[in-house]
Structure formats: structure tokens, C-alpha cells
Amino acid sequence: MSISQYPNDNYYAITCYKHTLAEIILDAHNNDYECYEGTLVDNYIMEYPNPFDITQVRDLRSTDWDDEFVTFFKTQDYEYLVILERYESQWSSSNELIYTNDGEWVSSIETTFQSIQESTHELQLV
């Protein structure tokens, strides 16, 4: 999904070209998030994402992690995580992970997702 405006707070954004990180974060939260269908990958909104040690996740183990990145995941205390599908080409997309405390921005993204889902559902009925 393409967005024209980002949160109005000190948000933290990460682009994931290989959906592994987004999938692991979602798995760690036991389906405690809302999923909105995307074109190639889905979009998600999560409240109170848990901090975790990225260096201890088997599929993400690496000595190449930037210390600031590792510290972020261990200590983040944002209220929301929004995972957006980013169009790359007709065959691929990436995820953008946006950690934020801007509830109004998250609400506007959620409204947009719901509107898209309703439009898609109406088209399927035709």
C-alpha cells in the first residue's frame, strides 16, 4: 500500500525485502493483530508489539546486525506496529514496518484498509 503521509511522532521505519523479519514478528505475537489483504503480501496493524532479541531468533541469527538495530528491537516501547506492503514490481513487493505512537495516523491507515476491503468485497459480489 502506498501512503502519502507518515506518522507525526518519532516513528521508526524498517523496509524488509525478504519478508522473514515481518513474519517472525507476527509469529511472536500469536495472531494478536489485524490482517488486511494485500496484493502479494498482506498488511497488518498490531497494538503493543513486544520487544525481542533479534540475535536469538534462529532464522535471523547473524553477527552482521547493527548494534543500534539490535538495541531497538530489545527496548522498543511503541504502542503500534503497522506493516505495509510496498509495491516493487508486478512480481514482488516488500514490507515496511512502522513503529509509532501516533494513534490518529494508525486509525487513518486502518480506515483506508477497511475501505479497500469493502470495495474489494463489493466487486467480488458483482
N, C-alpha and C. Protein backbone atom coordinates (compact mmCIF):
# COMPACT_ATOMS: atom_id res chain seq x y z
N MET A 1 0.84 -1.18 0.00
CA MET A 1 0.00 0.00 0.00
C MET A 1 0.88 1.23 0.00
N SER A 2 0.55 2.18 -0.78
CA SER A 2 1.29 3.42 -0.85
C SER A 2 0.64 4.44 0.06
N ILE A 3 1.43 5.05 0.93
CA ILE A 3 0.89 6.08 1.80
C ILE A 3 1.56 7.40 1.49
N SER A 4 0.82 8.48 1.62
CA SER A 4 1.37 9.78 1.31
C SER A 4 1.88 10.50 2.54
N GLN A 5 1.48 10.03 3.71
CA GLN A 5 1.87 10.70 4.94
C GLN A 5 2.31 9.66 5.96
N TYR A 6 3.37 10.00 6.68
CA TYR A 6 3.87 9.14 7.74
C TYR A 6 3.41 9.68 9.09
N PRO A 7 3.61 8.91 10.16
CA PRO A 7 3.17 9.38 11.49
C PRO A 7 3.80 10.73 11.85
N ASN A 8 3.14 11.42 12.77
CA ASN A 8 3.59 12.74 13.20
C ASN A 8 4.48 12.69 14.44
N ASP A 9 4.91 11.50 14.84
CA ASP A 9 5.75 11.38 16.02
C ASP A 9 7.15 10.91 15.62
N ASN A 10 7.91 10.51 16.58
CA ASN A 10 9.25 10.00 16.34
C ASN A 10 9.15 8.51 16.01
N TYR A 11 8.58 8.20 14.87
CA TYR A 11 8.36 6.81 14.46
C TYR A 11 9.66 6.17 14.01
N TYR A 12 9.65 4.85 13.89
CA TYR A 12 10.81 4.08 13.45
C TYR A 12 10.35 3.19 12.31
N ALA A 13 10.96 3.32 11.14
CA ALA A 13 10.54 2.55 9.97
C ALA A 13 11.68 1.67 9.46
N ILE A 14 11.32 0.47 9.05
CA ILE A 14 12.27 -0.50 8.52
C ILE A 14 11.67 -1.10 7.26
N THR A 15 12.43 -1.19 6.19
CA THR A 15 11.97 -1.86 4.97
C THR A 15 12.57 -3.26 4.93
N CYS A 16 11.73 -4.26 4.72
CA CYS A 16 12.14 -5.67 4.66
C CYS A 16 11.89 -6.19 3.25
N TYR A 17 12.95 -6.51 2.56
CA TYR A 17 12.80 -7.02 1.20
C TYR A 17 12.57 -8.53 1.18
N LYS A 18 12.94 -9.21 2.25
CA LYS A 18 12.69 -10.65 2.37
C LYS A 18 11.76 -10.82 3.55
N HIS A 19 10.60 -11.07 3.43
CA HIS A 19 9.52 -10.99 4.41
C HIS A 19 9.78 -11.72 5.73
N THR A 20 10.96 -12.30 5.91
CA THR A 20 11.26 -13.09 7.11
C THR A 20 11.07 -12.32 8.40
N LEU A 21 11.62 -11.12 8.50
CA LEU A 21 11.53 -10.35 9.74
C LEU A 21 10.07 -10.05 10.09
N ALA A 22 9.30 -9.59 9.13
CA ALA A 22 7.89 -9.30 9.38
C ALA A 22 7.14 -10.56 9.83
N GLU A 23 7.41 -11.69 9.20
CA GLU A 23 6.74 -12.93 9.56
C GLU A 23 7.09 -13.38 10.97
N ILE A 24 8.35 -13.23 11.35
CA ILE A 24 8.78 -13.65 12.68
C ILE A 24 8.16 -12.75 13.75
N ILE A 25 8.11 -11.47 13.50
CA ILE A 25 7.49 -10.55 14.45
C ILE A 25 6.01 -10.92 14.62
N LEU A 26 5.33 -11.19 13.53
CA LEU A 26 3.92 -11.57 13.62
C LEU A 26 3.75 -12.88 14.36
N ASP A 27 4.59 -13.88 14.08
CA ASP A 27 4.50 -15.17 14.76
C ASP A 27 4.71 -15.01 16.26
N ALA A 28 5.58 -14.10 16.65
CA ALA A 28 5.86 -13.89 18.07
C ALA A 28 4.68 -13.30 18.82
N HIS A 29 3.71 -12.77 18.10
CA HIS A 29 2.56 -12.13 18.74
C HIS A 29 1.29 -12.96 18.68
N ASN A 30 1.42 -14.24 18.34
CA ASN A 30 0.30 -15.18 18.43
C ASN A 30 -1.01 -14.65 17.85
N ASN A 31 -0.96 -14.13 16.67
CA ASN A 31 -2.15 -13.64 15.97
C ASN A 31 -2.85 -12.49 16.68
N ASP A 32 -2.12 -11.74 17.48
CA ASP A 32 -2.70 -10.60 18.20
C ASP A 32 -2.52 -9.33 17.36
N TYR A 33 -3.11 -9.34 16.18
CA TYR A 33 -3.02 -8.23 15.25
C TYR A 33 -4.15 -8.36 14.24
N GLU A 34 -4.39 -7.27 13.52
CA GLU A 34 -5.39 -7.29 12.45
C GLU A 34 -4.67 -7.45 11.11
N CYS A 35 -5.19 -8.30 10.27
CA CYS A 35 -4.62 -8.54 8.95
C CYS A 35 -5.54 -7.95 7.89
N TYR A 36 -4.93 -7.24 6.93
CA TYR A 36 -5.67 -6.66 5.81
C TYR A 36 -5.00 -7.15 4.53
N GLU A 37 -5.79 -7.79 3.69
CA GLU A 37 -5.25 -8.41 2.49
C GLU A 37 -4.55 -7.41 1.58
N GLY A 38 -3.37 -7.81 1.11
CA GLY A 38 -2.62 -7.00 0.16
C GLY A 38 -2.61 -7.67 -1.20
N THR A 39 -1.84 -7.15 -2.11
CA THR A 39 -1.76 -7.73 -3.45
C THR A 39 -0.91 -8.99 -3.47
N LEU A 40 0.36 -8.87 -3.01
CA LEU A 40 1.24 -10.03 -2.94
C LEU A 40 1.50 -10.47 -1.51
N VAL A 41 1.62 -9.54 -0.61
CA VAL A 41 1.74 -9.83 0.83
C VAL A 41 0.71 -8.99 1.56
N ASP A 42 0.37 -9.41 2.76
CA ASP A 42 -0.69 -8.72 3.50
C ASP A 42 -0.15 -7.54 4.31
N ASN A 43 -1.08 -6.74 4.79
CA ASN A 43 -0.80 -5.59 5.65
C ASN A 43 -1.30 -5.92 7.05
N TYR A 44 -0.67 -5.35 8.07
CA TYR A 44 -1.03 -5.69 9.45
C TYR A 44 -0.99 -4.45 10.34
N ILE A 45 -1.83 -4.47 11.36
CA ILE A 45 -1.78 -3.45 12.41
C ILE A 45 -1.78 -4.20 13.74
N MET A 46 -0.81 -3.87 14.58
CA MET A 46 -0.64 -4.53 15.86
C MET A 46 -0.53 -3.47 16.96
N GLU A 47 -1.21 -3.71 18.06
CA GLU A 47 -1.07 -2.84 19.22
C GLU A 47 -0.06 -3.45 20.19
N TYR A 48 0.76 -2.63 20.78
CA TYR A 48 1.75 -3.01 21.79
C TYR A 48 2.63 -4.18 21.35
N PRO A 49 3.40 -3.99 20.28
CA PRO A 49 4.33 -5.06 19.85
C PRO A 49 5.38 -5.31 20.93
N ASN A 50 5.70 -6.57 21.15
CA ASN A 50 6.66 -6.95 22.19
C ASN A 50 8.10 -6.71 21.75
N PRO A 51 8.94 -6.26 22.67
CA PRO A 51 10.38 -6.22 22.38
C PRO A 51 10.90 -7.66 22.29
N PHE A 52 11.97 -7.89 21.54
CA PHE A 52 12.58 -9.21 21.49
C PHE A 52 14.03 -9.08 21.05
N ASP A 53 14.80 -10.14 21.30
CA ASP A 53 16.22 -10.15 20.95
C ASP A 53 16.37 -10.78 19.57
N ILE A 54 16.58 -9.95 18.58
CA ILE A 54 16.67 -10.41 17.19
C ILE A 54 17.84 -11.37 16.98
N THR A 55 18.88 -11.26 17.81
CA THR A 55 20.05 -12.12 17.64
C THR A 55 19.79 -13.55 18.11
N GLN A 56 18.68 -13.77 18.83
CA GLN A 56 18.35 -15.10 19.33
C GLN A 56 17.31 -15.83 18.49
N VAL A 57 16.83 -15.20 17.45
CA VAL A 57 15.84 -15.82 16.56
C VAL A 57 16.60 -16.64 15.53
N ARG A 58 16.32 -17.95 15.51
CA ARG A 58 17.10 -18.87 14.67
C ARG A 58 17.22 -18.41 13.22
N ASP A 59 16.13 -18.03 12.59
CA ASP A 59 16.16 -17.66 11.18
C ASP A 59 16.79 -16.29 10.93
N LEU A 60 17.05 -15.55 12.00
CA LEU A 60 17.62 -14.21 11.84
C LEU A 60 19.01 -14.09 12.47
N ARG A 61 19.55 -15.19 13.00
CA ARG A 61 20.86 -15.13 13.65
C ARG A 61 21.90 -14.62 12.68
N SER A 62 22.66 -13.69 13.15
CA SER A 62 23.71 -13.12 12.32
C SER A 62 24.61 -12.28 13.20
N THR A 63 25.84 -12.21 12.86
CA THR A 63 26.75 -11.31 13.57
C THR A 63 26.83 -9.98 12.86
N ASP A 64 26.07 -9.83 11.80
CA ASP A 64 26.12 -8.63 10.97
C ASP A 64 25.11 -7.56 11.38
N TRP A 65 24.31 -7.81 12.43
CA TRP A 65 23.31 -6.83 12.83
C TRP A 65 23.99 -5.59 13.38
N ASP A 66 23.50 -4.46 12.99
CA ASP A 66 23.94 -3.18 13.53
C ASP A 66 23.51 -3.11 15.00
N ASP A 67 24.40 -2.64 15.87
CA ASP A 67 24.09 -2.58 17.31
C ASP A 67 22.85 -1.74 17.60
N GLU A 68 22.68 -0.66 16.88
CA GLU A 68 21.50 0.20 17.08
C GLU A 68 20.21 -0.56 16.74
N PHE A 69 20.26 -1.37 15.70
CA PHE A 69 19.12 -2.16 15.27
C PHE A 69 18.76 -3.20 16.34
N VAL A 70 19.76 -3.90 16.86
CA VAL A 70 19.55 -4.91 17.89
C VAL A 70 18.96 -4.26 19.14
N THR A 71 19.52 -3.13 19.54
CA THR A 71 19.04 -2.42 20.72
C THR A 71 17.60 -1.96 20.52
N PHE A 72 17.28 -1.49 19.32
CA PHE A 72 15.91 -1.06 19.06
C PHE A 72 14.92 -2.18 19.36
N PHE A 73 15.15 -3.36 18.80
CA PHE A 73 14.20 -4.46 18.98
C PHE A 73 14.12 -4.93 20.43
N LYS A 74 15.22 -4.83 21.17
CA LYS A 74 15.22 -5.25 22.58
C LYS A 74 14.49 -4.26 23.48
N THR A 75 14.49 -2.99 23.10
CA THR A 75 13.99 -1.96 24.01
C THR A 75 12.80 -1.17 23.51
N GLN A 76 12.36 -1.39 22.28
CA GLN A 76 11.28 -0.57 21.73
C GLN A 76 10.04 -0.65 22.62
N ASP A 77 9.37 0.49 22.75
CA ASP A 77 8.15 0.53 23.55
C ASP A 77 7.05 1.32 22.86
N TYR A 78 6.97 1.15 21.55
CA TYR A 78 5.94 1.82 20.76
C TYR A 78 4.58 1.19 21.00
N GLU A 79 3.54 1.98 20.82
CA GLU A 79 2.17 1.49 21.00
C GLU A 79 1.67 0.69 19.81
N TYR A 80 2.18 0.98 18.62
CA TYR A 80 1.67 0.35 17.41
C TYR A 80 2.81 -0.10 16.49
N LEU A 81 2.53 -1.17 15.77
CA LEU A 81 3.36 -1.60 14.65
C LEU A 81 2.43 -1.75 13.46
N VAL A 82 2.72 -1.03 12.39
CA VAL A 82 1.95 -1.13 11.15
C VAL A 82 2.90 -1.73 10.12
N ILE A 83 2.49 -2.83 9.51
CA ILE A 83 3.30 -3.47 8.47
C ILE A 83 2.56 -3.28 7.16
N LEU A 84 3.21 -2.54 6.26
CA LEU A 84 2.59 -2.20 4.99
C LEU A 84 3.27 -2.94 3.84
N GLU A 85 2.46 -3.37 2.89
CA GLU A 85 3.00 -3.93 1.66
C GLU A 85 3.50 -2.77 0.81
N ARG A 86 4.70 -2.90 0.28
CA ARG A 86 5.29 -1.89 -0.62
C ARG A 86 5.49 -2.53 -1.99
N TYR A 87 4.88 -1.96 -3.00
CA TYR A 87 5.00 -2.45 -4.37
C TYR A 87 6.42 -2.27 -4.87
N GLU A 88 7.01 -3.34 -5.40
CA GLU A 88 8.34 -3.27 -6.01
C GLU A 88 8.22 -3.45 -7.52
N SER A 89 7.50 -4.48 -7.92
CA SER A 89 7.25 -4.74 -9.34
C SER A 89 6.02 -5.63 -9.41
N GLN A 90 5.60 -5.99 -10.61
CA GLN A 90 4.41 -6.83 -10.71
C GLN A 90 4.64 -8.23 -10.13
N TRP A 91 5.89 -8.58 -9.87
CA TRP A 91 6.20 -9.90 -9.31
C TRP A 91 6.65 -9.86 -7.86
N SER A 92 6.90 -8.70 -7.33
CA SER A 92 7.40 -8.68 -5.95
C SER A 92 6.97 -7.43 -5.19
N SER A 93 6.99 -7.58 -3.89
CA SER A 93 6.73 -6.46 -3.02
C SER A 93 7.57 -6.66 -1.77
N SER A 94 7.69 -5.63 -0.98
CA SER A 94 8.43 -5.70 0.27
C SER A 94 7.49 -5.28 1.39
N ASN A 95 7.97 -5.38 2.62
CA ASN A 95 7.21 -4.92 3.77
C ASN A 95 7.89 -3.68 4.33
N GLU A 96 7.10 -2.73 4.77
CA GLU A 96 7.63 -1.62 5.54
C GLU A 96 7.04 -1.72 6.93
N LEU A 97 7.90 -1.85 7.93
CA LEU A 97 7.48 -1.93 9.32
C LEU A 97 7.58 -0.54 9.91
N ILE A 98 6.48 -0.03 10.45
CA ILE A 98 6.47 1.31 11.02
C ILE A 98 6.01 1.20 12.47
N TYR A 99 6.94 1.47 13.37
CA TYR A 99 6.64 1.53 14.80
C TYR A 99 6.29 2.97 15.13
N THR A 100 5.17 3.19 15.82
CA THR A 100 4.71 4.55 16.10
C THR A 100 3.85 4.60 17.35
N ASN A 101 3.71 5.81 17.90
CA ASN A 101 2.76 6.08 18.98
C ASN A 101 1.62 6.97 18.50
N ASP A 102 1.59 7.26 17.20
CA ASP A 102 0.60 8.16 16.62
C ASP A 102 -0.70 7.42 16.33
N GLY A 103 -1.59 7.38 17.32
CA GLY A 103 -2.86 6.67 17.20
C GLY A 103 -3.75 7.20 16.10
N GLU A 104 -3.73 8.50 15.86
CA GLU A 104 -4.55 9.08 14.79
C GLU A 104 -4.10 8.58 13.43
N TRP A 105 -2.78 8.51 13.22
CA TRP A 105 -2.25 8.02 11.95
C TRP A 105 -2.64 6.56 11.76
N VAL A 106 -2.49 5.75 12.80
CA VAL A 106 -2.83 4.34 12.72
C VAL A 106 -4.32 4.19 12.40
N SER A 107 -5.15 5.00 13.03
CA SER A 107 -6.59 4.95 12.77
C SER A 107 -6.90 5.29 11.31
N SER A 108 -6.20 6.27 10.76
CA SER A 108 -6.44 6.62 9.35
C SER A 108 -6.00 5.50 8.41
N ILE A 109 -4.90 4.83 8.73
CA ILE A 109 -4.44 3.70 7.91
C ILE A 109 -5.46 2.56 8.01
N GLU A 110 -5.95 2.31 9.20
CA GLU A 110 -6.94 1.25 9.41
C GLU A 110 -8.22 1.54 8.63
N THR A 111 -8.66 2.79 8.65
CA THR A 111 -9.85 3.19 7.89
C THR A 111 -9.63 2.96 6.40
N THR A 112 -8.45 3.29 5.91
CA THR A 112 -8.12 3.08 4.50
C THR A 112 -8.16 1.59 4.17
N PHE A 113 -7.54 0.76 5.01
CA PHE A 113 -7.57 -0.69 4.79
C PHE A 113 -9.00 -1.22 4.75
N GLN A 114 -9.83 -0.79 5.69
CA GLN A 114 -11.21 -1.25 5.75
C GLN A 114 -11.99 -0.84 4.51
N SER A 115 -11.75 0.37 4.04
CA SER A 115 -12.42 0.86 2.84
C SER A 115 -12.02 0.03 1.62
N ILE A 116 -10.75 -0.28 1.51
CA ILE A 116 -10.26 -1.10 0.39
C ILE A 116 -10.89 -2.48 0.46
N GLN A 117 -10.95 -3.07 1.65
CA GLN A 117 -11.55 -4.39 1.79
C GLN A 117 -13.03 -4.39 1.43
N GLU A 118 -13.75 -3.35 1.83
CA GLU A 118 -15.17 -3.25 1.49
C GLU A 118 -15.36 -3.12 -0.01
N SER A 119 -14.54 -2.30 -0.65
CA SER A 119 -14.63 -2.13 -2.12
C SER A 119 -14.33 -3.44 -2.83
N THR A 120 -13.32 -4.16 -2.36
CA THR A 120 -12.95 -5.44 -2.96
C THR A 120 -14.08 -6.44 -2.79
N HIS A 121 -14.67 -6.47 -1.61
CA HIS A 121 -15.77 -7.39 -1.34
C HIS A 121 -16.96 -7.08 -2.25
N GLU A 122 -17.26 -5.79 -2.43
CA GLU A 122 -18.37 -5.39 -3.31
C GLU A 122 -18.11 -5.80 -4.75
N LEU A 123 -16.88 -5.67 -5.22
CA LEU A 123 -16.53 -6.07 -6.58
C LEU A 123 -16.67 -7.58 -6.76
N GLN A 124 -16.35 -8.35 -5.71
CA GLN A 124 -16.46 -9.79 -5.80
C GLN A 124 -17.92 -10.22 -5.90
N LEU A 125 -18.82 -9.43 -5.36
CA LEU A 125 -20.24 -9.77 -5.39
C LEU A 125 -20.86 -9.50 -6.76
N VAL A 126 -20.21 -8.69 -7.56
CA VAL A 126 -20.78 -8.32 -8.87
C VAL A 126 -20.60 -9.43 -9.85
